[in-house]
Protein backbone atom coordinates (compact mmCIF):
# COMPACT_ATOMS: atom_id res chain seq x y z
CA MET A 1 30.97 -13.83 25.32
CA LYS A 2 28.14 -12.42 27.48
CA THR A 3 28.41 -9.09 25.68
CA ILE A 4 27.89 -10.75 22.30
CA ASN A 5 24.85 -12.64 23.63
CA ILE A 6 23.34 -9.45 25.07
CA PHE A 7 23.78 -7.64 21.73
CA PHE A 8 22.28 -10.61 19.86
CA ILE A 9 19.24 -10.65 22.16
CA LEU A 10 18.88 -6.86 21.93
CA PHE A 11 18.96 -6.86 18.10
CA THR A 12 16.52 -9.78 17.98
CA LEU A 13 14.06 -7.91 20.22
CA ILE A 14 14.43 -4.72 18.16
CA GLY A 15 13.72 -6.73 15.00
CA ILE A 16 10.63 -8.30 16.55
CA ALA A 17 9.38 -4.98 17.91
CA SER A 18 9.76 -3.23 14.55
CA ALA A 19 8.07 -6.03 12.57
CA GLU A 20 4.53 -5.29 11.46
CA GLU A 21 1.88 -7.95 11.26
CA LEU A 22 0.13 -8.35 7.93
CA LYS A 23 -3.24 -10.08 8.23
CA ILE A 24 -4.93 -11.35 5.05
CA LYS A 25 -8.43 -12.83 4.76
CA ALA A 26 -9.71 -14.32 1.49
CA ASN A 27 -12.04 -16.98 0.14
CA SER A 28 -9.13 -18.91 -1.40
CA PHE A 29 -5.34 -19.04 -1.32
CA THR A 30 -2.65 -20.63 -3.50
CA SER A 31 1.11 -20.45 -3.12
CA ASP A 32 4.15 -21.63 -5.06
CA GLN A 33 7.38 -21.54 -3.04
CA ASN A 34 9.48 -22.18 -6.17
CA THR A 35 8.28 -19.00 -7.90
CA GLY A 36 7.66 -16.99 -4.71
CA ILE A 37 4.11 -16.13 -5.74
CA SER A 38 1.07 -16.29 -3.47
CA VAL A 39 -2.44 -15.51 -4.72
CA PHE A 40 -5.39 -14.60 -2.51
CA SER A 41 -8.78 -14.36 -4.21
CA GLY A 42 -12.40 -13.69 -3.35
CA ASN A 43 -13.25 -10.88 -0.92
CA VAL A 44 -9.62 -10.22 -0.04
CA ASN A 45 -9.05 -8.04 3.02
CA MET A 46 -5.51 -7.04 4.06
CA LYS A 47 -4.66 -5.14 7.25
CA LYS A 48 -1.30 -3.86 8.46
CA THR A 49 -1.17 -1.42 11.37
CA ASN A 50 -3.34 1.51 10.14
CA ASP A 51 -3.45 0.42 6.48
CA GLU A 52 -6.26 -1.62 4.94
CA LEU A 53 -6.92 -2.88 1.43
CA ASN A 54 -9.89 -4.73 -0.07
CA ALA A 55 -9.89 -6.34 -3.53
CA SER A 56 -11.15 -9.26 -5.59
CA LYS A 57 -7.62 -10.66 -5.93
CA VAL A 58 -4.19 -9.94 -4.44
CA THR A 59 -0.93 -11.45 -5.73
CA ILE A 60 2.15 -11.22 -3.51
CA TYR A 61 5.68 -11.70 -4.86
CA ILE A 62 8.47 -12.62 -2.42
CA ASN A 63 12.23 -12.86 -2.89
CA LYS A 64 14.58 -15.69 -1.86
CA LYS A 65 14.85 -14.17 1.63
CA ARG A 66 11.05 -14.51 1.95
CA LYS A 67 10.53 -10.75 1.94
CA PRO A 68 7.66 -9.32 -0.11
CA THR A 69 8.85 -7.34 -3.14
CA LYS A 70 5.53 -6.48 -4.80
CA PHE A 71 1.80 -6.63 -4.11
CA ILE A 72 -0.74 -6.43 -6.96
CA ALA A 73 -4.41 -5.94 -6.07
CA VAL A 74 -7.10 -6.06 -8.77
CA GLY A 75 -10.87 -5.80 -8.97
CA ASP A 76 -12.77 -2.99 -7.20
CA VAL A 77 -9.86 -2.13 -4.94
CA SER A 78 -10.57 0.11 -1.95
CA PHE A 79 -7.94 1.20 0.52
CA ILE A 80 -6.89 3.31 3.49
CA ILE A 81 -3.21 4.26 3.73
CA VAL A 82 -1.48 6.16 6.54
CA THR A 83 1.99 7.48 5.74
CA LYS A 84 4.90 7.64 8.17
CA GLU A 85 4.26 11.39 8.59
CA GLY A 86 0.59 10.75 9.46
CA SER A 87 -1.10 11.72 6.19
CA LYS A 88 -4.21 9.58 5.73
CA TYR A 89 -5.40 8.55 2.27
CA LYS A 90 -8.62 6.80 1.32
CA GLY A 91 -9.58 5.74 -2.15
CA VAL A 92 -10.62 3.35 -4.87
CA ALA A 93 -9.07 2.01 -8.09
CA GLN A 94 -9.35 -1.02 -10.32
CA LYS A 95 -5.70 -1.99 -9.85
CA VAL A 96 -3.08 -1.15 -7.21
CA ILE A 97 0.61 -2.11 -7.23
CA TYR A 98 2.62 -1.62 -4.03
CA TYR A 99 6.42 -1.83 -3.75
CA PRO A 100 7.21 -2.27 -0.03
CA LYS A 101 10.94 -1.51 -0.26
CA LYS A 102 10.28 1.91 -1.84
CA LYS A 103 6.92 2.36 -0.06
CA GLU A 104 5.33 3.43 -3.36
CA TYR A 105 1.77 2.85 -4.53
CA TYR A 106 0.69 2.84 -8.19
CA PHE A 107 -3.05 3.18 -8.75
CA TYR A 108 -4.71 2.46 -12.12
CA GLU A 109 -8.13 2.88 -13.76
CA ASN A 110 -10.84 5.09 -12.30
CA VAL A 111 -8.63 6.24 -9.44
CA HIS A 112 -10.18 8.44 -6.76
CA LEU A 113 -7.69 9.26 -4.01
CA LYS A 114 -8.54 11.50 -1.05
CA GLN A 115 -6.05 12.88 1.45
CA LEU A 116 -8.38 13.10 4.42
CA ASN A 117 -6.42 15.29 6.83
CA ALA A 118 -5.60 17.86 4.10
CA LYS A 119 -8.94 17.78 2.23
CA LYS A 120 -7.29 17.05 -1.14
CA GLU A 121 -8.63 14.77 -3.86
CA ILE A 122 -7.06 13.40 -7.03
CA MET A 123 -9.04 11.67 -9.77
CA GLY A 124 -7.40 10.16 -12.83
CA ASP A 125 -6.50 7.00 -14.62
CA GLU A 126 -3.00 6.63 -13.17
CA VAL A 127 -1.84 7.99 -9.81
CA VAL A 128 1.49 7.39 -8.06
CA LEU A 129 1.87 7.97 -4.31
CA LYS A 130 5.39 7.99 -2.89
CA THR A 131 4.87 7.75 0.86
CA ILE A 132 8.51 8.36 1.82
CA ASP A 133 8.82 11.59 -0.23
CA GLY A 134 5.21 12.63 0.33
CA LYS A 135 4.83 13.14 -3.43
CA ALA A 136 1.97 12.23 -5.76
CA TYR A 137 1.76 12.17 -9.57
CA ALA A 138 -1.31 11.73 -11.75
CA LYS A 139 -2.22 11.16 -15.42
CA GLY A 140 -5.61 11.38 -17.04
CA LEU A 141 -7.03 9.55 -20.01
CA LYS A 142 -6.75 10.99 -23.50
CA LYS A 143 -10.39 12.10 -23.30
CA GLU A 144 -10.49 12.95 -19.59
CA PRO A 145 -8.13 15.25 -17.69
CA VAL A 146 -6.73 14.71 -14.20
CA ILE A 147 -8.94 16.39 -11.63
CA MET A 148 -7.59 17.72 -8.35
CA ILE A 149 -9.78 19.29 -5.72
CA PHE A 150 -8.46 21.05 -2.64
CA ASN A 151 -9.55 23.74 -0.20
CA ILE A 152 -7.76 27.06 -0.21
CA GLU A 153 -7.91 28.91 3.06
CA GLU A 154 -7.94 32.65 2.65
CA ASP A 155 -6.64 35.15 5.20
CA LYS A 156 -9.39 37.21 6.79
């Protein structure tokens, strides 16, 4: 019986240690437990470890196990994202959708995404950043192309 208790305590501590705190500040907050939707509006600021997001409004969707399934940020969104591998991104968009289970970000409208530690920039109307794979995809508008800027180091 002691062995089972020790394993239970060990797994509980591992779960607590691996949990990340999400801190949200906003001018107003509404929540509906029946639908699993929480809405933060007015000068929203979200921080989690090294990540930060600012927006006019953030809607969070949770499942029946009270785990977030989707975040939607709208209105002059600015953000800093650090991937598991240490790549640091900074940018702006008008709308950002984040899927925590897949660790994927979808950026929309006037997107300007910079990878700071690699000196790369992507500008477009739709950009997808898959933080687990380290992949990014971009689409431009019909009238405007996707623009990517990066430094090429030449051998001397």
